[in-house]
Structure formats: structure tokens, C-alpha cells
Amino acid sequence: MTSTEPYDVQLSPAAARAFRKLTPEVRMRVRRALERLAVDAAGPGRIGGKSVKTIQGVDDSFHRVRVGEHRVMYDIVAVDRVLLVVGIVHRGELERWLRNR
């Protein structure tokens, strides 16, 4: 396996539930964004450009990518070459989602 192969995208159970609830159009946009991130994660340098932010929590840190009105929270597990999606949240619900984490 070469280091340029995209990372595997895995959804947590909560993220999978949220993904299924999205409209087909939004689901496709989220899928494309995650595929792009998986390819970017395999390469050198910063991934995602301006739409990606790192969120520092009390216990951990993860990243957020903006996809229209939704925010996709994910973590990169470099050892396993996995992009783990921990949440997909509408931007209006993001603050509450972060507090309940």
C-alpha cells in the first residue's frame, strides 16, 4: 500500500444516524467533502483549506469541515489511516453538540 492511497472514512454510530437523516442532496455533498478530505489526509501538508478548523476540547481535539449549512466533525487516526467522523450537525445545533460532547 502506498502512502498516497486515501484514508478510509468511518462514521461513528451517531454520525451514521445523522448522515442517514440528511436529504439526498446534502448527503452527496457531505460524501464528496469526506472523500476529498480522505485524499488530502494521505498527502503532505495541511488538509482541507479554509473550510477546515481545529476544535480544541477539554479532553481532546478534532477537526470541523463546513459543508453548506452543516458541520462535519472528524478526527484523523494516522496509525490506522482512518478519517473518523464523530458528528454531522446543522450549524445552528453545533454549540449544543459541542457542549454535550
Protein backbone atom coordinates (compact mmCIF):
# COMPACT_ATOMS: atom_id res chain seq x y z
CA MET A 1 0.00 0.00 0.00
CA THR A 2 1.38 3.41 -0.93
CA SER A 3 1.14 6.47 1.25
CA THR A 4 -0.88 8.27 -1.45
CA GLU A 5 -3.90 5.97 -1.07
CA PRO A 6 -6.81 7.84 0.52
CA TYR A 7 -7.59 7.25 4.17
CA ASP A 8 -10.61 5.05 4.99
CA VAL A 9 -13.64 7.08 6.07
CA GLN A 10 -15.50 5.60 9.04
CA LEU A 11 -18.59 7.05 10.69
CA SER A 12 -19.32 6.72 14.39
CA PRO A 13 -22.81 5.31 15.12
CA ALA A 14 -24.13 8.82 15.92
CA ALA A 15 -22.61 10.25 12.74
CA ALA A 16 -24.09 7.41 10.69
CA ARG A 17 -27.56 8.16 12.12
CA ALA A 18 -27.16 11.87 11.35
CA PHE A 19 -25.92 11.06 7.83
CA ARG A 20 -29.00 8.91 7.10
CA LYS A 21 -31.30 11.76 8.21
CA LEU A 22 -29.82 14.24 5.71
CA THR A 23 -31.55 15.00 2.44
CA PRO A 24 -30.06 13.14 -0.56
CA GLU A 25 -28.53 16.36 -1.91
CA VAL A 26 -26.81 17.25 1.38
CA ARG A 27 -25.76 13.62 1.84
CA MET A 28 -23.99 13.72 -1.53
CA ARG A 29 -22.21 16.99 -0.65
CA VAL A 30 -21.04 15.55 2.69
CA ARG A 31 -19.87 12.36 0.96
CA ARG A 32 -17.85 14.35 -1.60
CA ALA A 33 -16.30 16.53 1.13
CA LEU A 34 -15.28 13.43 3.12
CA GLU A 35 -13.79 11.78 0.03
CA ARG A 36 -11.74 14.94 -0.64
CA LEU A 37 -10.54 15.03 2.97
CA ALA A 38 -9.58 11.34 2.85
CA VAL A 39 -7.40 12.01 -0.21
CA ASP A 40 -5.91 15.19 1.33
CA ALA A 41 -5.13 13.38 4.60
CA ALA A 42 -2.93 10.90 2.73
CA GLY A 43 -0.78 13.67 1.28
CA PRO A 44 1.65 16.04 2.96
CA GLY A 45 0.71 19.37 4.50
CA ARG A 46 -2.46 20.88 5.88
CA ILE A 47 -5.72 19.34 4.72
CA GLY A 48 -8.97 20.93 3.73
CA GLY A 49 -8.08 24.58 3.22
CA LYS A 50 -10.16 27.39 4.72
CA SER A 51 -13.27 25.33 5.36
CA VAL A 52 -11.46 23.17 7.96
CA LYS A 53 -10.96 24.31 11.54
CA THR A 54 -9.41 22.51 14.51
CA ILE A 55 -11.54 22.47 17.66
CA GLN A 56 -9.66 22.12 20.94
CA GLY A 57 -11.79 20.47 23.59
CA VAL A 58 -11.11 19.84 27.24
CA ASP A 59 -10.29 16.17 26.69
CA ASP A 60 -9.42 16.00 23.01
CA SER A 61 -9.19 17.90 19.77
CA PHE A 62 -10.79 17.20 16.43
CA HIS A 63 -11.47 18.99 13.18
CA ARG A 64 -14.57 20.54 11.67
CA VAL A 65 -15.28 20.99 7.98
CA ARG A 66 -18.03 23.25 6.70
CA VAL A 67 -20.40 21.69 4.17
CA GLY A 68 -23.12 24.24 3.41
CA GLU A 69 -25.31 24.63 6.49
CA HIS A 70 -23.82 21.55 8.15
CA ARG A 71 -20.61 20.95 10.05
CA VAL A 72 -18.83 17.60 9.91
CA MET A 73 -16.63 16.85 12.92
CA TYR A 74 -13.88 14.33 12.38
CA ASP A 75 -10.58 13.07 13.73
CA ILE A 76 -7.66 11.61 11.82
CA VAL A 77 -6.18 8.35 13.10
CA ALA A 78 -2.89 8.33 11.19
CA VAL A 79 -1.70 4.98 12.59
CA ASP A 80 -4.73 3.19 11.11
CA ARG A 81 -5.07 5.58 8.12
CA VAL A 82 -8.66 6.36 9.12
CA LEU A 83 -10.69 9.54 8.92
CA LEU A 84 -13.20 9.01 11.75
CA VAL A 85 -16.37 11.11 11.53
CA VAL A 86 -17.66 11.78 15.04
CA GLY A 87 -20.61 14.01 14.17
CA ILE A 88 -22.63 15.70 11.44
CA VAL A 89 -24.52 18.67 12.82
CA HIS A 90 -26.54 21.58 11.43
CA ARG A 91 -24.67 24.79 12.17
CA GLY A 92 -27.46 26.02 14.46
CA GLU A 93 -27.03 22.95 16.67
CA LEU A 94 -23.21 22.97 16.76
CA GLU A 95 -22.77 24.80 20.06
CA ARG A 96 -25.16 22.45 21.88
CA TRP A 97 -23.49 19.42 20.25
CA LEU A 98 -20.07 20.59 21.44
CA ARG A 99 -21.34 21.23 24.99
CA ASN A 100 -22.87 17.73 25.20
CA ARG A 101 -19.71 16.03 23.98
